[in-house]
Amino acid sequence: MARKPHHSGSYVRDSAALRAAAYADPHTRCWRCHLTLTQCTNRDGKPARWTAGHLSDGQIGAAARAVHEGCK
């Protein structure tokens, strides 16, 4: 599966660093739902995982913050 053009280059590196920092700090809160990772579960009942979510959805190059996959 090919990546979207804006999901390559520095985005890959920056989002990996963002996820690593979120996993390293158990007090990190999702910027959308404001819950920690242990407080959140996905709609399918599986444990939540961190991802990088753009503050302005759809805007290439927009700032990103830690967000649960289910909140994205």
Protein backbone atom coordinates (compact mmCIF):
# COMPACT_ATOMS: atom_id res chain seq x y z
CA MET A 1 0.00 0.00 0.00
CA ALA A 2 1.48 3.35 -1.03
CA ARG A 3 1.70 6.12 1.53
CA LYS A 4 -0.06 9.41 1.00
CA PRO A 5 2.46 12.03 -0.17
CA HIS A 6 2.25 13.97 3.10
CA HIS A 7 2.85 10.77 5.10
CA SER A 8 6.46 10.42 4.01
CA GLY A 9 9.80 12.07 4.68
CA SER A 10 9.92 14.20 7.81
CA TYR A 11 6.32 13.27 8.74
CA VAL A 12 7.35 9.65 9.30
CA ARG A 13 10.28 10.67 11.52
CA ASP A 14 8.32 13.33 13.42
CA SER A 15 5.27 11.14 14.03
CA ALA A 16 7.46 8.27 15.24
CA ALA A 17 9.15 10.61 17.74
CA LEU A 18 5.76 11.94 18.86
CA ARG A 19 4.40 8.42 19.45
CA ALA A 20 7.57 7.35 21.29
CA ALA A 21 7.33 10.35 23.62
CA ALA A 22 3.64 9.66 24.27
CA TYR A 23 4.30 6.01 25.12
CA ALA A 24 7.23 7.01 27.37
CA ASP A 25 5.08 9.35 29.50
CA PRO A 26 2.06 7.64 31.09
CA HIS A 27 0.59 11.07 31.87
CA THR A 28 0.28 12.01 28.18
CA ARG A 29 -3.31 12.90 27.32
CA CYS A 30 -4.99 12.65 23.94
CA TRP A 31 -5.54 16.15 22.61
CA ARG A 32 -9.02 15.20 21.35
CA CYS A 33 -10.58 13.29 24.28
CA HIS A 34 -8.12 14.36 27.03
CA LEU A 35 -7.78 10.80 28.38
CA THR A 36 -4.54 8.97 29.08
CA LEU A 37 -3.73 5.78 27.21
CA THR A 38 -4.83 3.57 30.11
CA GLN A 39 -8.16 5.40 30.42
CA CYS A 40 -9.12 4.84 26.80
CA THR A 41 -10.19 1.77 24.83
CA ASN A 42 -11.01 1.59 21.15
CA ARG A 43 -14.58 1.06 20.01
CA ASP A 44 -13.74 -2.59 19.30
CA GLY A 45 -12.66 -3.09 22.93
CA LYS A 46 -8.95 -3.40 22.15
CA PRO A 47 -6.43 -1.29 24.05
CA ALA A 48 -5.87 2.15 22.57
CA ARG A 49 -2.65 3.02 20.74
CA TRP A 50 -1.03 6.37 20.15
CA THR A 51 -0.83 7.97 16.74
CA ALA A 52 -0.01 11.45 15.48
CA GLY A 53 -3.07 13.58 14.83
CA HIS A 54 -3.01 16.85 12.93
CA LEU A 55 -4.38 19.84 14.82
CA SER A 56 -5.93 20.99 11.54
CA ASP A 57 -7.31 17.86 9.86
CA GLY A 58 -6.38 17.53 6.22
CA GLN A 59 -3.83 20.34 6.31
CA ILE A 60 -0.49 19.08 5.01
CA GLY A 61 2.33 20.15 7.30
CA ALA A 62 -0.02 21.09 10.14
CA ALA A 63 1.22 20.62 13.68
CA ALA A 64 0.47 17.24 15.22
CA ARG A 65 -0.15 16.00 18.75
CA ALA A 66 -0.58 12.60 20.37
CA VAL A 67 -4.06 11.21 19.77
CA HIS A 68 -5.62 7.79 20.34
CA GLU A 69 -6.25 5.86 17.13
CA GLY A 70 -9.96 5.69 17.93
CA CYS A 71 -10.15 9.46 18.40
CA LYS A 72 -8.50 10.31 15.12
